[in-house]
Amino acid sequence: MFVDRADITIKAGNGGNGCVSFHREKYVANGGPDGGDGGKGGDVVFVASDHLRTLMDFRYKRKFTAGNGEDGKSDNRTGKNGLDLIVEVPVGTLVRDESGRILADMNEDGKRRVVMVGGKGGRGNARFATATRQAPRFAQEGEKVGERRVELELKSIADVGLVGFPNVGKSTLLSRTTKARPKIANYHFTTLTPNLGVVSLEGHESFVMADIPGLIEGAAEGAGLGHDFLRHVERTRMLIHVLDISGCEGRDPLEDYDQIMSELREYSEKLAARPKIVAANKTDLPDSEENLKRLKEKLEPEDVPVYAISAATGAGVNELMWAAVRMLREIPVDEESFAEAEDLLEAKVDQRAYEINRDSAGTYIVEGPLAEALMRRVNFEDSESLRYFQRVLIQRGVIDALRKAGAKDGDSVRVDELEFDFME
């Protein structure tokens, strides 16, 4: 099964917590704080691999988590960094965030991209020692990283895309010019997923060509294979329009060309303007000469080259492939832009965030990441640690926010499980 879309959840590792520790050694009095820092959380790293062809694996595993950093240890020992998580995806995969922004364009084998950065480790209590605070009994908690959903989208990466209506000979042309063996039969929609092959010509000239599933009217609105068809065409540098020049199925090749261009233009003007060649196929069948003449009269004034071929017999195919090579030499590789690593999914939990609510008993409740972090960091049996707790409430604006919320002297305030009286 060809799977070209998947939604997954990724999570970088949390930073390890700093350690609260004091040096203990015989004959060493008041050894002082020696709590080490926590380790950094692991990153989520995407790697492009040409050994993968679809996103099938992501249908069964949808959650990916990097390793957490270890907590700091005594004797000023830093915790180990968390292991990075390596996620292999097929070459040609786009990684998008929930807003649709491209985070990574995995467009070549071996390319690595950090898509989510691990949390920083918290500082141990040794880092908080000062001349006036010589025995801090608190440490910093490591940065917590939230989960994020990302969308993986596989777009065929090919230099040349074969486009056209069903049963015009695209698969036959691909099989004749490459080692690809697409399904070929005399009925519509033989090709339901893109087939890729490498065209190798004399003089070591080569390029990748894709047989894109057949177009039908209304594709730009999603009819038939619709947007799936057009998404795969987007990643090609040039197009070869394959037309049944014989009209053996009662279709007019000129109308087919106009319909294809209309669908491409409706989906994207940039796509419609892509360099193109027209392959007038099935010239071995009757009525092809008159239609070929009409087609050239229509397209040559528009500087669209037309090559008469027969994919079935091979006539004219080599000339068509060399024309594609010459055109590709003049087309720059246009890589899609993506976010810089520093601007990627650093889904850190903001440990300064809090909100103030009031329960039915009239108690003001401070809740959120700030409250949770404070309660894990503060030793309420230590006076210096309590003073630190009070300073944080003032510095983070919690006291002002309580005052604005209507708190007055003597009102009860609860931070997590700690309850105290509010004092102006």
Protein backbone atom coordinates (compact mmCIF):
# COMPACT_ATOMS: atom_id res chain seq x y z
CA MET A 1 0.00 0.00 0.00
CA PHE A 2 1.32 3.45 -0.93
CA VAL A 3 0.82 5.78 2.06
CA ASP A 4 1.81 9.40 1.45
CA ARG A 5 0.29 11.18 4.47
CA ALA A 6 0.57 10.59 8.21
CA ASP A 7 -0.14 12.53 11.39
CA ILE A 8 2.17 11.76 14.29
CA THR A 9 2.93 13.14 17.73
CA ILE A 10 6.50 13.99 18.66
CA LYS A 11 8.01 14.96 21.98
CA ALA A 12 11.57 16.01 22.74
CA GLY A 13 13.05 14.99 26.08
CA ASN A 14 12.57 16.98 29.26
CA GLY A 15 15.62 18.51 30.88
CA GLY A 16 16.83 16.82 34.04
CA ASN A 17 16.26 18.51 37.39
CA GLY A 18 19.07 20.17 39.28
CA CYS A 19 20.19 18.43 42.46
CA VAL A 20 19.97 19.70 46.05
CA SER A 21 22.98 18.29 47.88
CA PHE A 22 25.60 19.31 50.44
CA HIS A 23 29.15 18.07 50.66
CA ARG A 24 29.59 15.50 53.37
CA GLU A 25 33.10 14.37 54.26
CA LYS A 26 34.89 13.42 57.42
CA TYR A 27 36.92 16.28 58.88
CA VAL A 28 35.32 18.75 56.40
CA ALA A 29 32.91 21.01 58.24
CA ASN A 30 30.26 22.94 56.33
CA GLY A 31 31.27 21.50 52.99
CA GLY A 32 28.72 23.64 51.21
CA PRO A 33 26.29 22.93 48.37
CA ASP A 34 27.45 20.52 45.68
CA GLY A 35 24.28 19.68 43.75
CA GLY A 36 24.98 19.24 40.01
CA ASP A 37 22.96 20.39 37.01
CA GLY A 38 20.45 18.25 35.17
CA GLY A 39 21.19 16.92 31.69
CA LYS A 40 19.65 18.27 28.48
CA GLY A 41 16.67 16.43 27.00
CA GLY A 42 17.12 14.61 23.70
CA ASP A 43 16.16 16.22 20.37
CA VAL A 44 13.78 14.77 17.77
CA VAL A 45 15.81 14.39 14.58
CA PHE A 46 14.33 13.46 11.20
CA VAL A 47 16.59 11.67 8.70
CA ALA A 48 15.79 11.09 5.02
CA SER A 49 16.39 7.56 3.76
CA ASP A 50 16.13 6.25 0.21
CA HIS A 51 15.49 2.78 1.65
CA LEU A 52 11.93 3.83 2.50
CA ARG A 53 9.28 4.35 -0.15
CA THR A 54 6.08 5.12 1.78
CA LEU A 55 4.90 6.38 5.16
CA MET A 56 3.29 3.02 5.95
CA ASP A 57 5.24 2.56 9.21
CA PHE A 58 3.65 5.71 10.64
CA ARG A 59 0.17 4.19 10.37
CA TYR A 60 1.03 1.79 13.19
CA LYS A 61 3.28 3.92 15.38
CA ARG A 62 2.14 7.47 15.87
CA LYS A 63 3.93 8.68 19.00
CA PHE A 64 7.67 9.35 19.13
CA THR A 65 9.47 10.49 22.28
CA ALA A 66 13.15 11.37 22.82
CA GLY A 67 15.00 10.53 26.03
CA ASN A 68 14.79 12.74 29.12
CA GLY A 69 17.89 14.25 30.62
CA GLU A 70 19.04 12.71 33.89
CA ASP A 71 18.78 14.63 37.13
CA GLY A 72 21.92 16.21 38.54
CA LYS A 73 23.86 14.38 41.22
CA SER A 74 25.85 15.24 44.31
CA ASP A 75 29.52 16.17 44.15
CA ASN A 76 28.68 18.66 41.34
CA ARG A 77 28.00 15.87 38.84
CA THR A 78 25.89 16.80 35.84
CA GLY A 79 23.20 14.36 34.76
CA LYS A 80 23.55 12.60 31.39
CA ASN A 81 21.89 14.19 28.36
CA GLY A 82 18.84 12.39 27.03
CA LEU A 83 19.23 10.29 23.88
CA ASP A 84 18.17 11.95 20.64
CA LEU A 85 15.31 10.27 18.82
CA ILE A 86 16.06 9.46 15.15
CA VAL A 87 12.97 9.26 12.93
CA GLU A 88 13.66 7.91 9.44
CA VAL A 89 11.37 9.08 6.63
CA PRO A 90 11.42 8.53 2.86
CA VAL A 91 13.27 11.01 0.68
CA GLY A 92 10.73 13.59 -0.47
CA THR A 93 8.91 13.90 2.86
CA LEU A 94 7.74 17.30 4.07
CA VAL A 95 7.32 17.80 7.82
CA ARG A 96 4.71 20.43 8.71
CA ASP A 97 3.43 21.79 12.00
CA GLU A 98 -0.25 22.15 12.83
CA SER A 99 -0.41 25.55 11.10
CA GLY A 100 0.92 24.07 7.85
CA ARG A 101 4.37 25.68 8.15
CA ILE A 102 7.15 23.57 6.65
CA LEU A 103 9.60 22.52 9.35
CA ALA A 104 11.75 20.22 7.24
CA ASP A 105 12.03 19.32 3.57
CA MET A 106 13.71 15.92 3.51
CA ASN A 107 14.68 16.11 -0.14
CA GLU A 108 17.91 14.10 -0.29
CA ASP A 109 19.22 10.83 1.13
CA GLY A 110 20.98 11.21 4.48
CA LYS A 111 19.68 14.70 5.20
CA ARG A 112 19.23 15.33 8.94
CA ARG A 113 16.94 17.92 10.46
CA VAL A 114 16.34 18.73 14.13
CA VAL A 115 12.59 19.24 14.30
CA MET A 116 12.13 19.50 18.05
CA VAL A 117 14.69 20.65 20.59
CA GLY A 118 15.05 19.01 24.01
CA GLY A 119 14.60 20.92 27.25
CA LYS A 120 17.54 22.46 29.09
CA GLY A 121 18.72 20.88 32.30
CA GLY A 122 17.96 22.65 35.57
CA ARG A 123 20.73 24.14 37.68
CA GLY A 124 21.79 22.42 40.90
CA ASN A 125 21.85 24.20 44.24
CA ALA A 126 25.62 24.75 43.95
CA ARG A 127 24.83 27.28 41.20
CA PHE A 128 22.66 29.34 43.57
CA ALA A 129 25.27 29.82 46.27
CA THR A 130 26.26 33.44 46.92
CA ALA A 131 28.14 35.30 49.62
CA THR A 132 24.88 35.96 51.44
CA ARG A 133 23.16 32.67 50.54
CA GLN A 134 25.74 30.04 51.33
CA ALA A 135 23.46 27.05 51.81
CA PRO A 136 20.65 27.16 49.23
CA ARG A 137 18.24 24.29 49.79
CA PHE A 138 16.60 24.50 46.40
CA ALA A 139 17.53 23.76 42.79
CA GLN A 140 16.12 24.56 39.38
CA GLU A 141 13.78 22.17 37.66
CA GLY A 142 14.64 21.05 34.13
CA GLU A 143 12.69 22.50 31.20
CA LYS A 144 9.60 20.49 30.36
CA VAL A 145 8.70 19.93 26.73
CA GLY A 146 5.13 19.47 25.55
CA GLU A 147 3.94 17.10 22.85
CA ARG A 148 3.34 18.46 19.37
CA ARG A 149 1.47 17.04 16.42
CA VAL A 150 3.17 17.17 13.03
CA GLU A 151 2.03 16.11 9.59
CA LEU A 152 4.22 14.06 7.28
CA GLU A 153 3.54 14.41 3.59
CA LEU A 154 5.41 12.41 0.96
CA LYS A 155 5.69 14.08 -2.40
CA SER A 156 7.38 12.28 -5.27
CA ILE A 157 10.73 13.82 -6.02
CA ALA A 158 11.38 13.58 -9.73
CA ASP A 159 13.02 15.80 -12.30
CA VAL A 160 10.34 15.03 -14.88
CA GLY A 161 6.67 14.27 -14.32
CA LEU A 162 4.55 12.47 -16.89
CA VAL A 163 1.05 13.93 -16.86
CA GLY A 164 -1.99 13.16 -18.90
CA PHE A 165 -5.39 11.53 -18.91
CA PRO A 166 -5.77 7.83 -18.08
CA ASN A 167 -4.69 5.24 -20.66
CA VAL A 168 -2.61 7.62 -22.82
CA GLY A 169 0.60 5.57 -22.43
CA LYS A 170 2.46 7.18 -19.51
CA SER A 171 3.25 3.87 -17.82
CA THR A 172 4.36 2.34 -21.11
CA LEU A 173 6.71 5.28 -21.70
CA LEU A 174 8.17 4.93 -18.19
CA SER A 175 8.72 1.19 -18.61
CA ARG A 176 10.46 1.70 -21.97
CA THR A 177 12.86 4.38 -20.74
CA THR A 178 13.63 3.10 -17.20
CA LYS A 179 13.86 -0.15 -15.23
CA ALA A 180 10.58 0.67 -13.49
CA ARG A 181 7.86 -1.90 -14.06
CA PRO A 182 4.51 -0.17 -13.51
CA LYS A 183 1.26 -2.02 -14.00
CA ILE A 184 0.13 -1.67 -17.62
CA ALA A 185 -3.27 -2.62 -18.96
CA ASN A 186 -5.78 -1.35 -21.51
CA TYR A 187 -8.17 0.26 -19.02
CA HIS A 188 -8.36 3.50 -17.11
CA PHE A 189 -6.65 4.14 -13.77
CA THR A 190 -4.10 1.36 -14.00
CA THR A 191 -1.77 3.69 -12.11
CA LEU A 192 -3.13 4.75 -8.71
CA THR A 193 0.15 5.79 -7.10
CA PRO A 194 3.27 7.45 -8.56
CA ASN A 195 5.89 5.22 -10.16
CA LEU A 196 9.46 6.48 -10.36
CA GLY A 197 12.32 5.39 -12.58
CA VAL A 198 15.78 6.62 -13.58
CA VAL A 199 16.29 7.46 -17.24
CA SER A 200 19.94 6.79 -18.23
CA LEU A 201 21.19 8.06 -21.58
CA GLU A 202 24.53 7.88 -23.36
CA GLY A 203 27.32 9.98 -21.85
CA HIS A 204 26.18 9.33 -18.25
CA GLU A 205 23.23 11.70 -18.57
CA SER A 206 20.41 10.66 -16.25
CA PHE A 207 17.33 12.00 -14.51
CA VAL A 208 14.42 10.73 -12.41
CA MET A 209 11.05 10.49 -14.13
CA ALA A 210 7.69 9.88 -12.45
CA ASP A 211 4.53 8.43 -13.92
CA ILE A 212 1.87 10.47 -12.11
CA PRO A 213 -1.60 8.87 -11.72
CA GLY A 214 -4.06 9.86 -14.43
CA LEU A 215 -5.88 13.19 -14.28
CA ILE A 216 -9.61 13.64 -14.63
CA GLU A 217 -11.75 16.73 -15.01
CA GLY A 218 -12.28 18.50 -11.69
CA ALA A 219 -8.96 17.44 -10.16
CA ALA A 220 -8.31 20.94 -8.82
CA GLU A 221 -11.49 20.57 -6.74
CA GLY A 222 -10.39 17.15 -5.54
CA ALA A 223 -12.27 14.95 -8.04
CA GLY A 224 -10.81 11.54 -8.76
CA LEU A 225 -7.26 11.35 -7.43
CA GLY A 226 -7.50 15.15 -7.46
CA HIS A 227 -5.20 16.89 -5.03
CA ASP A 228 -3.11 13.74 -4.59
CA PHE A 229 -2.30 13.92 -8.31
CA LEU A 230 -1.48 17.62 -8.17
CA ARG A 231 0.63 17.36 -5.00
CA HIS A 232 2.95 14.88 -6.68
CA VAL A 233 3.23 17.04 -9.79
CA GLU A 234 4.34 19.95 -7.58
CA ARG A 235 7.70 18.36 -6.82
CA THR A 236 8.78 17.91 -10.44
CA ARG A 237 11.07 20.38 -12.22
CA MET A 238 9.42 19.97 -15.61
CA LEU A 239 6.46 18.17 -17.15
CA ILE A 240 5.96 15.94 -20.15
CA HIS A 241 2.34 16.07 -21.28
CA VAL A 242 1.52 12.69 -22.77
CA LEU A 243 -1.37 12.87 -25.26
CA ASP A 244 -3.12 10.11 -27.19
CA ILE A 245 -2.61 11.69 -30.59
CA SER A 246 -4.61 8.95 -32.33
CA GLY A 247 -7.84 9.87 -30.51
CA CYS A 248 -8.63 6.14 -30.51
CA GLU A 249 -10.94 6.49 -27.49
CA GLY A 250 -12.96 9.26 -29.06
CA ARG A 251 -11.05 12.03 -27.26
CA ASP A 252 -9.57 15.09 -28.95
CA PRO A 253 -5.87 15.46 -27.95
CA LEU A 254 -6.07 19.25 -28.23
CA GLU A 255 -8.99 19.37 -25.82
CA ASP A 256 -7.13 17.00 -23.48
CA TYR A 257 -4.14 19.35 -23.41
CA ASP A 258 -6.35 22.36 -22.70
CA GLN A 259 -8.12 20.47 -19.91
CA ILE A 260 -4.85 19.44 -18.26
CA MET A 261 -3.54 23.02 -18.37
CA SER A 262 -6.82 24.30 -16.95
CA GLU A 263 -6.63 21.92 -13.98
CA LEU A 264 -2.98 22.79 -13.32
CA ARG A 265 -3.68 26.52 -13.57
CA GLU A 266 -6.66 26.31 -11.24
CA TYR A 267 -4.55 24.51 -8.65
CA SER A 268 -1.45 26.72 -9.00
CA GLU A 269 -0.35 29.28 -11.58
CA LYS A 270 3.25 28.40 -10.72
CA LEU A 271 2.55 24.78 -11.56
CA ALA A 272 0.92 25.66 -14.87
CA ALA A 273 3.96 27.78 -15.80
CA ARG A 274 6.40 24.91 -15.25
CA PRO A 275 8.60 24.10 -18.30
CA LYS A 276 6.95 21.45 -20.44
CA ILE A 277 7.23 19.23 -23.48
CA VAL A 278 4.34 17.54 -25.25
CA ALA A 279 4.72 13.89 -26.18
CA ALA A 280 2.25 13.04 -28.97
CA ASN A 281 1.95 9.31 -28.27
CA LYS A 282 0.44 6.43 -30.28
CA THR A 283 1.66 7.71 -33.64
CA ASP A 284 1.62 4.09 -34.79
CA LEU A 285 -2.19 4.14 -34.82
CA PRO A 286 -4.47 5.50 -37.58
CA ASP A 287 -5.63 9.14 -37.60
CA SER A 288 -2.52 10.26 -35.69
CA GLU A 289 -0.99 12.35 -38.51
CA GLU A 290 -3.90 14.77 -38.83
CA ASN A 291 -4.16 15.28 -35.08
CA LEU A 292 -0.37 15.77 -34.84
CA LYS A 293 -0.51 18.49 -37.46
CA ARG A 294 -3.33 20.28 -35.60
CA LEU A 295 -1.46 20.01 -32.31
CA LYS A 296 1.76 21.49 -33.70
CA GLU A 297 -0.15 24.35 -35.29
CA LYS A 298 -1.64 25.12 -31.88
CA LEU A 299 1.41 24.74 -29.62
CA GLU A 300 4.47 25.69 -31.63
CA PRO A 301 3.48 29.39 -31.72
CA GLU A 302 3.37 29.15 -27.89
CA ASP A 303 6.98 27.79 -27.86
CA VAL A 304 5.80 24.44 -26.52
CA PRO A 305 7.85 21.71 -28.26
CA VAL A 306 5.93 18.70 -29.59
CA TYR A 307 7.57 15.31 -30.11
CA ALA A 308 5.85 12.52 -32.03
CA ILE A 309 6.46 9.18 -30.33
CA SER A 310 5.18 5.67 -29.99
CA ALA A 311 5.83 4.34 -26.49
CA ALA A 312 4.71 0.90 -27.70
CA THR A 313 7.31 0.64 -30.50
CA GLY A 314 9.93 3.05 -29.15
CA ALA A 315 9.77 5.39 -32.14
CA GLY A 316 10.87 8.93 -31.22
CA VAL A 317 11.33 8.10 -27.51
CA ASN A 318 15.10 8.65 -27.45
CA GLU A 319 14.72 12.10 -29.03
CA LEU A 320 12.09 12.98 -26.43
CA MET A 321 14.37 11.97 -23.55
CA TRP A 322 17.28 14.04 -24.89
CA ALA A 323 14.95 17.02 -25.24
CA ALA A 324 14.09 16.61 -21.56
CA VAL A 325 17.80 16.51 -20.66
CA ARG A 326 18.46 19.75 -22.54
CA MET A 327 15.55 21.45 -20.82
CA LEU A 328 16.60 20.22 -17.37
CA ARG A 329 20.08 21.68 -17.83
CA GLU A 330 18.51 25.13 -18.01
CA ILE A 331 16.15 24.75 -15.04
CA PRO A 332 17.56 25.68 -11.61
CA VAL A 333 16.76 23.40 -8.71
CA ASP A 334 14.11 25.23 -6.68
CA GLU A 335 14.16 23.94 -3.11
CA GLU A 336 11.21 24.78 -0.89
CA SER A 337 12.04 27.02 2.03
CA PHE A 338 11.63 25.76 5.56
CA ALA A 339 11.96 27.06 9.09
CA GLU A 340 15.41 27.56 10.58
CA ALA A 341 16.47 25.16 13.34
CA GLU A 342 16.34 27.91 15.94
CA ASP A 343 12.69 28.55 15.06
CA LEU A 344 11.50 24.97 15.20
CA LEU A 345 9.17 23.21 17.58
CA GLU A 346 10.65 24.14 20.94
CA ALA A 347 7.39 23.29 22.66
CA LYS A 348 8.65 24.27 26.08
CA VAL A 349 6.19 24.49 28.92
CA ASP A 350 6.40 28.12 30.08
CA GLN A 351 7.29 27.69 33.73
CA ARG A 352 6.51 31.37 34.38
CA ALA A 353 2.87 30.92 33.36
CA TYR A 354 0.13 30.93 35.97
CA GLU A 355 -3.49 31.89 36.44
CA ILE A 356 -5.50 33.00 39.45
CA ASN A 357 -8.95 31.60 40.23
CA ARG A 358 -11.22 31.66 43.25
CA ASP A 359 -13.07 28.68 44.67
CA SER A 360 -16.50 28.56 46.28
CA ALA A 361 -15.00 29.18 49.73
CA GLY A 362 -13.43 32.44 48.55
CA THR A 363 -9.85 31.16 48.52
CA TYR A 364 -7.60 32.59 45.80
CA ILE A 365 -5.87 29.76 43.94
CA VAL A 366 -2.61 30.25 42.03
CA GLU A 367 -2.23 27.38 39.55
CA GLY A 368 -0.23 26.55 36.47
CA PRO A 369 3.39 25.61 35.64
CA LEU A 370 4.85 28.33 37.90
CA ALA A 371 3.00 27.03 40.94
CA GLU A 372 3.98 23.43 40.20
CA ALA A 373 7.64 24.34 39.68
CA LEU A 374 7.80 26.38 42.89
CA MET A 375 6.37 23.59 44.99
CA ARG A 376 8.93 21.12 43.66
CA ARG A 377 11.79 23.59 44.13
CA VAL A 378 11.17 25.06 47.58
CA ASN A 379 12.00 23.51 50.94
CA PHE A 380 9.41 25.03 53.27
CA GLU A 381 11.34 23.99 56.37
CA ASP A 382 14.23 26.24 55.36
CA SER A 383 13.92 29.98 55.97
CA GLU A 384 16.17 30.93 53.06
CA SER A 385 14.13 28.76 50.72
CA LEU A 386 10.92 30.40 51.96
CA ARG A 387 12.37 33.83 51.28
CA TYR A 388 13.18 32.65 47.75
CA PHE A 389 9.53 31.54 47.38
CA GLN A 390 8.33 35.00 48.43
CA ARG A 391 10.73 36.77 46.07
CA VAL A 392 9.55 34.69 43.10
CA LEU A 393 5.90 35.53 43.84
CA ILE A 394 6.79 39.23 43.83
CA GLN A 395 9.12 39.10 40.80
CA ARG A 396 6.68 37.09 38.67
CA GLY A 397 3.88 39.53 39.44
CA VAL A 398 1.78 37.02 41.37
CA ILE A 399 1.27 39.38 44.31
CA ASP A 400 0.20 42.23 42.01
CA ALA A 401 -2.12 39.86 40.13
CA LEU A 402 -3.72 38.75 43.40
CA ARG A 403 -4.21 42.35 44.39
CA LYS A 404 -5.88 43.12 41.03
CA ALA A 405 -8.08 40.07 41.48
CA GLY A 406 -9.39 41.61 44.71
CA ALA A 407 -7.29 39.89 47.37
CA LYS A 408 -7.08 41.79 50.66
CA ASP A 409 -5.24 41.33 53.94
CA GLY A 410 -6.23 38.11 55.61
CA ASP A 411 -7.67 36.45 52.47
CA SER A 412 -6.61 32.85 51.95
CA VAL A 413 -4.29 32.07 49.05
CA ARG A 414 -3.41 28.54 47.94
CA VAL A 415 -0.42 27.60 45.78
CA ASP A 416 -0.73 23.90 45.02
CA GLU A 417 -1.04 22.32 48.49
CA LEU A 418 0.34 25.30 50.41
CA GLU A 419 -2.22 27.74 51.85
CA PHE A 420 -1.31 31.07 53.47
CA ASP A 421 -2.86 34.42 54.35
CA PHE A 422 -2.46 37.27 51.88
CA MET A 423 -0.57 40.29 53.27
CA GLU A 424 -0.36 43.65 51.44
